[in-house]
Structure formats: structure tokens, C-alpha cells
Amino acid sequence: MPLTQFELRQLTWRKAQRSMNNGECVEVAPANGKIFVRDSKNPRGPALEYPADAWRNFLIEAKRGHSG
């Protein structure tokens, strides 16, 4: 079952350390073995939900320079 907007707001969200605070960032938050991703300029908007393993694999591939 997806998290409610209230539950999403209670998560500990973070941006990349290299974020330039220009409103073009995403924020991530772990919860229930998943990673939630949202647009930093619309924190009350929808959040995408990924299994933690899928997110970890995405980060590995992104660091290698793969785009898809």
C-alpha cells in the first residue's frame, strides 16, 4: 500500500551534497525497504517509489556513466 501524503511528509528527505539549491533537484528518503524520490520544489507533490535494491543498482550504473 502506498504511503499517504502525511506519511511522506514525515520521512527524512535529503538532497545531494552537491546540490546548487537552484530548485532543479530531487530529494530521496528511505522507508520500509524502499526509496522514495520527489521533486524538491514540490514537496507536497507525488513521490516515486523504488525497491531499495533497484535504487542501489541505479546509483551504481549512474556512477559508471550509464544512462539507461
PDB file of N, CA and C in Angstrom:
ATOM      1  N   MET A   1       0.844  -1.180   0.000  1.00  0.00           N
ATOM      2  CA  MET A   1       0.000   0.000   0.000  1.00  0.00           C
ATOM      3  C   MET A   1       0.895   1.252   0.000  1.00  0.00           C
ATOM      4  N   PRO A   2       0.626   2.199  -0.889  1.00  0.00           N
ATOM      5  CA  PRO A   2       1.431   3.434  -0.948  1.00  0.00           C
ATOM      6  C   PRO A   2       1.301   4.254   0.337  1.00  0.00           C
ATOM      7  N   LEU A   3       2.326   5.031   0.617  1.00  0.00           N
ATOM      8  CA  LEU A   3       2.284   5.927   1.773  1.00  0.00           C
ATOM      9  C   LEU A   3       1.333   7.093   1.491  1.00  0.00           C
ATOM     10  N   THR A   4       0.695   7.573   2.529  1.00  0.00           N
ATOM     11  CA  THR A   4      -0.162   8.753   2.390  1.00  0.00           C
ATOM     12  C   THR A   4       0.706  10.003   2.311  1.00  0.00           C
ATOM     13  N   GLN A   5       0.119  11.119   1.900  1.00  0.00           N
ATOM     14  CA  GLN A   5       0.864  12.379   1.861  1.00  0.00           C
ATOM     15  C   GLN A   5       1.390  12.732   3.250  1.00  0.00           C
ATOM     16  N   PHE A   6       0.610  12.471   4.284  1.00  0.00           N
ATOM     17  CA  PHE A   6       1.069  12.739   5.651  1.00  0.00           C
ATOM     18  C   PHE A   6       2.306  11.902   5.963  1.00  0.00           C
ATOM     19  N   GLU A   7       2.255  10.617   5.631  1.00  0.00           N
ATOM     20  CA  GLU A   7       3.395   9.737   5.895  1.00  0.00           C
ATOM     21  C   GLU A   7       4.624  10.165   5.096  1.00  0.00           C
ATOM     22  N   LEU A   8       4.418  10.572   3.846  1.00  0.00           N
ATOM     23  CA  LEU A   8       5.544  11.042   3.035  1.00  0.00           C
ATOM     24  C   LEU A   8       6.196  12.274   3.652  1.00  0.00           C
ATOM     25  N   ARG A   9       5.391  13.185   4.198  1.00  0.00           N
ATOM     26  CA  ARG A   9       5.950  14.402   4.805  1.00  0.00           C
ATOM     27  C   ARG A   9       6.748  14.088   6.065  1.00  0.00           C
ATOM     28  N   GLN A  10       6.477  12.968   6.712  1.00  0.00           N
ATOM     29  CA  GLN A  10       7.173  12.607   7.946  1.00  0.00           C
ATOM     30  C   GLN A  10       8.534  11.969   7.695  1.00  0.00           C
ATOM     31  N   LEU A  11       8.821  11.586   6.455  1.00  0.00           N
ATOM     32  CA  LEU A  11      10.102  10.959   6.148  1.00  0.00           C
ATOM     33  C   LEU A  11      11.241  11.963   6.251  1.00  0.00           C
ATOM     34  N   THR A  12      12.438  11.452   6.402  1.00  0.00           N
ATOM     35  CA  THR A  12      13.635  12.291   6.431  1.00  0.00           C
ATOM     36  C   THR A  12      14.162  12.397   5.011  1.00  0.00           C
ATOM     37  N   TRP A  13      13.891  13.526   4.375  1.00  0.00           N
ATOM     38  CA  TRP A  13      14.266  13.761   2.985  1.00  0.00           C
ATOM     39  C   TRP A  13      15.643  14.417   2.928  1.00  0.00           C
ATOM     40  N   ARG A  14      16.413  14.078   1.876  1.00  0.00           N
ATOM     41  CA  ARG A  14      17.714  14.721   1.703  1.00  0.00           C
ATOM     42  C   ARG A  14      17.996  14.928   0.223  1.00  0.00           C
ATOM     43  N   LYS A  15      18.789  15.953  -0.040  1.00  0.00           N
ATOM     44  CA  LYS A  15      19.252  16.257  -1.396  1.00  0.00           C
ATOM     45  C   LYS A  15      20.717  15.878  -1.502  1.00  0.00           C
ATOM     46  N   ALA A  16      21.207  15.822  -2.718  1.00  0.00           N
ATOM     47  CA  ALA A  16      22.625  15.540  -2.939  1.00  0.00           C
ATOM     48  C   ALA A  16      23.471  16.627  -2.281  1.00  0.00           C
ATOM     49  N   GLN A  17      24.621  16.254  -1.777  1.00  0.00           N
ATOM     50  CA  GLN A  17      25.526  17.222  -1.154  1.00  0.00           C
ATOM     51  C   GLN A  17      25.979  18.282  -2.144  1.00  0.00           C
ATOM     52  N   ARG A  18      26.019  17.941  -3.411  1.00  0.00           N
ATOM     53  CA  ARG A  18      26.477  18.876  -4.433  1.00  0.00           C
ATOM     54  C   ARG A  18      25.332  19.686  -5.030  1.00  0.00           C
ATOM     55  N   SER A  19      24.180  19.617  -4.425  1.00  0.00           N
ATOM     56  CA  SER A  19      23.032  20.375  -4.905  1.00  0.00           C
ATOM     57  C   SER A  19      23.349  21.866  -4.883  1.00  0.00           C
ATOM     58  N   MET A  20      22.935  22.575  -5.915  1.00  0.00           N
ATOM     59  CA  MET A  20      23.212  24.004  -6.009  1.00  0.00           C
ATOM     60  C   MET A  20      22.066  24.850  -5.463  1.00  0.00           C
ATOM     61  N   ASN A  21      21.052  24.226  -4.896  1.00  0.00           N
ATOM     62  CA  ASN A  21      19.894  24.942  -4.350  1.00  0.00           C
ATOM     63  C   ASN A  21      19.255  25.880  -5.378  1.00  0.00           C
ATOM     64  N   ASN A  22      19.196  25.424  -6.631  1.00  0.00           N
ATOM     65  CA  ASN A  22      18.577  26.236  -7.677  1.00  0.00           C
ATOM     66  C   ASN A  22      17.167  25.750  -8.033  1.00  0.00           C
ATOM     67  N   GLY A  23      16.627  24.823  -7.252  1.00  0.00           N
ATOM     68  CA  GLY A  23      15.284  24.328  -7.495  1.00  0.00           C
ATOM     69  C   GLY A  23      15.215  23.229  -8.534  1.00  0.00           C
ATOM     70  N   GLU A  24      16.347  22.743  -8.986  1.00  0.00           N
ATOM     71  CA  GLU A  24      16.393  21.696 -10.016  1.00  0.00           C
ATOM     72  C   GLU A  24      16.876  20.379  -9.415  1.00  0.00           C
ATOM     73  N   CYS A  25      16.429  20.052  -8.221  1.00  0.00           N
ATOM     74  CA  CYS A  25      16.937  18.882  -7.513  1.00  0.00           C
ATOM     75  C   CYS A  25      15.829  17.893  -7.204  1.00  0.00           C
ATOM     76  N   VAL A  26      16.251  16.692  -6.900  1.00  0.00           N
ATOM     77  CA  VAL A  26      15.334  15.707  -6.342  1.00  0.00           C
ATOM     78  C   VAL A  26      15.776  15.438  -4.917  1.00  0.00           C
ATOM     79  N   GLU A  27      14.845  14.942  -4.134  1.00  0.00           N
ATOM     80  CA  GLU A  27      15.130  14.549  -2.759  1.00  0.00           C
ATOM     81  C   GLU A  27      14.798  13.071  -2.632  1.00  0.00           C
ATOM     82  N   VAL A  28      15.504  12.381  -1.772  1.00  0.00           N
ATOM     83  CA  VAL A  28      15.259  10.963  -1.551  1.00  0.00           C
ATOM     84  C   VAL A  28      15.057  10.704  -0.063  1.00  0.00           C
ATOM     85  N   ALA A  29      14.288   9.645   0.219  1.00  0.00           N
ATOM     86  CA  ALA A  29      14.054   9.255   1.609  1.00  0.00           C
ATOM     87  C   ALA A  29      13.837   7.741   1.657  1.00  0.00           C
ATOM     88  N   PRO A  30      14.512   7.047   2.566  1.00  0.00           N
ATOM     89  CA  PRO A  30      14.280   5.616   2.719  1.00  0.00           C
ATOM     90  C   PRO A  30      13.124   5.356   3.685  1.00  0.00           C
ATOM     91  N   ALA A  31      12.363   4.298   3.404  1.00  0.00           N
ATOM     92  CA  ALA A  31      11.291   3.871   4.313  1.00  0.00           C
ATOM     93  C   ALA A  31      10.793   2.500   3.889  1.00  0.00           C
ATOM     94  N   ASN A  32      10.615   1.624   4.835  1.00  0.00           N
ATOM     95  CA  ASN A  32      10.013   0.313   4.597  1.00  0.00           C
ATOM     96  C   ASN A  32      10.724  -0.487   3.506  1.00  0.00           C
ATOM     97  N   GLY A  33      12.057  -0.412   3.441  1.00  0.00           N
ATOM     98  CA  GLY A  33      12.808  -1.152   2.438  1.00  0.00           C
ATOM     99  C   GLY A  33      12.703  -0.575   1.041  1.00  0.00           C
ATOM    100  N   LYS A  34      12.215   0.642   0.931  1.00  0.00           N
ATOM    101  CA  LYS A  34      12.060   1.310  -0.353  1.00  0.00           C
ATOM    102  C   LYS A  34      12.747   2.668  -0.314  1.00  0.00           C
ATOM    103  N   ILE A  35      12.930   3.242  -1.481  1.00  0.00           N
ATOM    104  CA  ILE A  35      13.456   4.593  -1.598  1.00  0.00           C
ATOM    105  C   ILE A  35      12.385   5.433  -2.284  1.00  0.00           C
ATOM    106  N   PHE A  36      12.064   6.551  -1.673  1.00  0.00           N
ATOM    107  CA  PHE A  36      11.080   7.469  -2.238  1.00  0.00           C
ATOM    108  C   PHE A  36      11.835   8.661  -2.822  1.00  0.00           C
ATOM    109  N   VAL A  37      11.377   9.122  -3.980  1.00  0.00           N
ATOM    110  CA  VAL A  37      12.033  10.206  -4.698  1.00  0.00           C
ATOM    111  C   VAL A  37      10.986  11.253  -5.038  1.00  0.00           C
ATOM    112  N   ARG A  38      11.299  12.531  -4.776  1.00  0.00           N
ATOM    113  CA  ARG A  38      10.347  13.598  -5.096  1.00  0.00           C
ATOM    114  C   ARG A  38      11.094  14.815  -5.637  1.00  0.00           C
ATOM    115  N   ASP A  39      10.344  15.703  -6.241  1.00  0.00           N
ATOM    116  CA  ASP A  39      10.854  16.966  -6.773  1.00  0.00           C
ATOM    117  C   ASP A  39      11.019  17.925  -5.597  1.00  0.00           C
ATOM    118  N   SER A  40      12.207  18.472  -5.421  1.00  0.00           N
ATOM    119  CA  SER A  40      12.474  19.329  -4.262  1.00  0.00           C
ATOM    120  C   SER A  40      11.651  20.611  -4.260  1.00  0.00           C
ATOM    121  N   LYS A  41      11.235  21.080  -5.433  1.00  0.00           N
ATOM    122  CA  LYS A  41      10.456  22.323  -5.459  1.00  0.00           C
ATOM    123  C   LYS A  41       8.958  22.067  -5.301  1.00  0.00           C
ATOM    124  N   ASN A  42       8.562  20.790  -5.191  1.00  0.00           N
ATOM    125  CA  ASN A  42       7.160  20.445  -4.990  1.00  0.00           C
ATOM    126  C   ASN A  42       7.054  19.343  -3.932  1.00  0.00           C
ATOM    127  N   PRO A  43       7.452  19.641  -2.691  1.00  0.00           N
ATOM    128  CA  PRO A  43       7.496  18.603  -1.664  1.00  0.00           C
ATOM    129  C   PRO A  43       6.137  18.003  -1.305  1.00  0.00           C
ATOM    130  N   ARG A  44       5.058  18.670  -1.609  1.00  0.00           N
ATOM    131  CA  ARG A  44       3.732  18.105  -1.340  1.00  0.00           C
ATOM    132  C   ARG A  44       3.165  17.359  -2.547  1.00  0.00           C
ATOM    133  N   GLY A  45       3.953  17.320  -3.615  1.00  0.00           N
ATOM    134  CA  GLY A  45       3.534  16.610  -4.816  1.00  0.00           C
ATOM    135  C   GLY A  45       3.777  15.114  -4.686  1.00  0.00           C
ATOM    136  N   PRO A  46       3.628  14.393  -5.778  1.00  0.00           N
ATOM    137  CA  PRO A  46       3.801  12.936  -5.737  1.00  0.00           C
ATOM    138  C   PRO A  46       5.253  12.543  -5.512  1.00  0.00           C
ATOM    139  N   ALA A  47       5.421  11.348  -5.018  1.00  0.00           N
ATOM    140  CA  ALA A  47       6.760  10.775  -4.829  1.00  0.00           C
ATOM    141  C   ALA A  47       6.798   9.431  -5.549  1.00  0.00           C
ATOM    142  N   LEU A  48       7.890   9.188  -6.243  1.00  0.00           N
ATOM    143  CA  LEU A  48       8.097   7.888  -6.872  1.00  0.00           C
ATOM    144  C   LEU A  48       8.655   6.936  -5.826  1.00  0.00           C
ATOM    145  N   GLU A  49       8.355   5.662  -5.993  1.00  0.00           N
ATOM    146  CA  GLU A  49       8.753   4.649  -5.014  1.00  0.00           C
ATOM    147  C   GLU A  49       9.516   3.541  -5.731  1.00  0.00           C
ATOM    148  N   TYR A  50      10.711   3.211  -5.218  1.00  0.00           N
ATOM    149  CA  TYR A  50      11.547   2.174  -5.817  1.00  0.00           C
ATOM    150  C   TYR A  50      11.988   1.192  -4.747  1.00  0.00           C
ATOM    151  N   PRO A  51      12.100  -0.107  -5.096  1.00  0.00           N
ATOM    152  CA  PRO A  51      12.722  -1.043  -4.153  1.00  0.00           C
ATOM    153  C   PRO A  51      14.162  -0.583  -3.900  1.00  0.00           C
ATOM    154  N   ALA A  52      14.638  -0.743  -2.686  1.00  0.00           N
ATOM    155  CA  ALA A  52      15.983  -0.272  -2.325  1.00  0.00           C
ATOM    156  C   ALA A  52      17.051  -0.883  -3.229  1.00  0.00           C
ATOM    157  N   ASP A  53      16.923  -2.153  -3.591  1.00  0.00           N
ATOM    158  CA  ASP A  53      17.912  -2.792  -4.465  1.00  0.00           C
ATOM    159  C   ASP A  53      17.928  -2.148  -5.851  1.00  0.00           C
ATOM    160  N   ALA A  54      16.761  -1.817  -6.386  1.00  0.00           N
ATOM    161  CA  ALA A  54      16.691  -1.184  -7.700  1.00  0.00           C
ATOM    162  C   ALA A  54      17.349   0.201  -7.652  1.00  0.00           C
ATOM    163  N   TRP A  55      17.124   0.943  -6.578  1.00  0.00           N
ATOM    164  CA  TRP A  55      17.725   2.273  -6.439  1.00  0.00           C
ATOM    165  C   TRP A  55      19.250   2.157  -6.334  1.00  0.00           C
ATOM    166  N   ARG A  56      19.709   1.184  -5.553  1.00  0.00           N
ATOM    167  CA  ARG A  56      21.149   0.963  -5.399  1.00  0.00           C
ATOM    168  C   ARG A  56      21.777   0.643  -6.758  1.00  0.00           C
ATOM    169  N   ASN A  57      21.134  -0.224  -7.547  1.00  0.00           N
ATOM    170  CA  ASN A  57      21.644  -0.566  -8.871  1.00  0.00           C
ATOM    171  C   ASN A  57      21.647   0.649  -9.796  1.00  0.00           C
ATOM    172  N   PHE A  58      20.615   1.484  -9.703  1.00  0.00           N
ATOM    173  CA  PHE A  58      20.567   2.712 -10.492  1.00  0.00           C
ATOM    174  C   PHE A  58      21.763   3.605 -10.167  1.00  0.00           C
ATOM    175  N   LEU A  59      22.058   3.782  -8.892  1.00  0.00           N
ATOM    176  CA  LEU A  59      23.187   4.625  -8.491  1.00  0.00           C
ATOM    177  C   LEU A  59      24.516   4.060  -8.986  1.00  0.00           C
ATOM    178  N   ILE A  60      24.669   2.752  -8.910  1.00  0.00           N
ATOM    179  CA  ILE A  60      25.899   2.111  -9.395  1.00  0.00           C
ATOM    180  C   ILE A  60      26.071   2.405 -10.882  1.00  0.00           C
ATOM    181  N   GLU A  61      25.017   2.208 -11.656  1.00  0.00           N
ATOM    182  CA  GLU A  61      25.094   2.434 -13.102  1.00  0.00           C
ATOM    183  C   GLU A  61      25.292   3.910 -13.423  1.00  0.00           C
ATOM    184  N   ALA A  62      24.650   4.798 -12.674  1.00  0.00           N
ATOM    185  CA  ALA A  62      24.807   6.237 -12.917  1.00  0.00           C
ATOM    186  C   ALA A  62      26.260   6.653 -12.665  1.00  0.00           C
ATOM    187  N   LYS A  63      26.867   6.113 -11.627  1.00  0.00           N
ATOM    188  CA  LYS A  63      28.266   6.430 -11.333  1.00  0.00           C
ATOM    189  C   LYS A  63      29.200   5.922 -12.418  1.00  0.00           C
ATOM    190  N   ARG A  64      28.787   4.850 -13.066  1.00  0.00           N
ATOM    191  CA  ARG A  64      29.586   4.317 -14.182  1.00  0.00           C
ATOM    192  C   ARG A  64      29.369   5.111 -15.465  1.00  0.00           C
ATOM    193  N   GLY A  65      28.383   5.977 -15.465  1.00  0.00           N
ATOM    194  CA  GLY A  65      28.112   6.797 -16.641  1.00  0.00           C
ATOM    195  C   GLY A  65      27.066   6.235 -17.579  1.00  0.00           C
ATOM    196  N   HIS A  66      26.337   5.221 -17.157  1.00  0.00           N
ATOM    197  CA  HIS A  66      25.287   4.642 -17.990  1.00  0.00           C
ATOM    198  C   HIS A  66      24.016   5.442 -17.844  1.00  0.00           C
ATOM    199  N   SER A  67      23.356   5.708 -18.944  1.00  0.00           N
ATOM    200  CA  SER A  67      22.113   6.494 -18.877  1.00  0.00           C
ATOM    201  C   SER A  67      20.881   5.650 -19.096  1.00  0.00           C
ATOM    202  N   GLY A  68      20.981   4.408 -19.314  1.00  0.00           N
ATOM    203  CA  GLY A  68      19.778   3.605 -19.454  1.00  0.00           C
ATOM    204  C   GLY A  68      20.021   2.474 -20.316  1.00  0.00           C
TER     205      GLY A  68
END
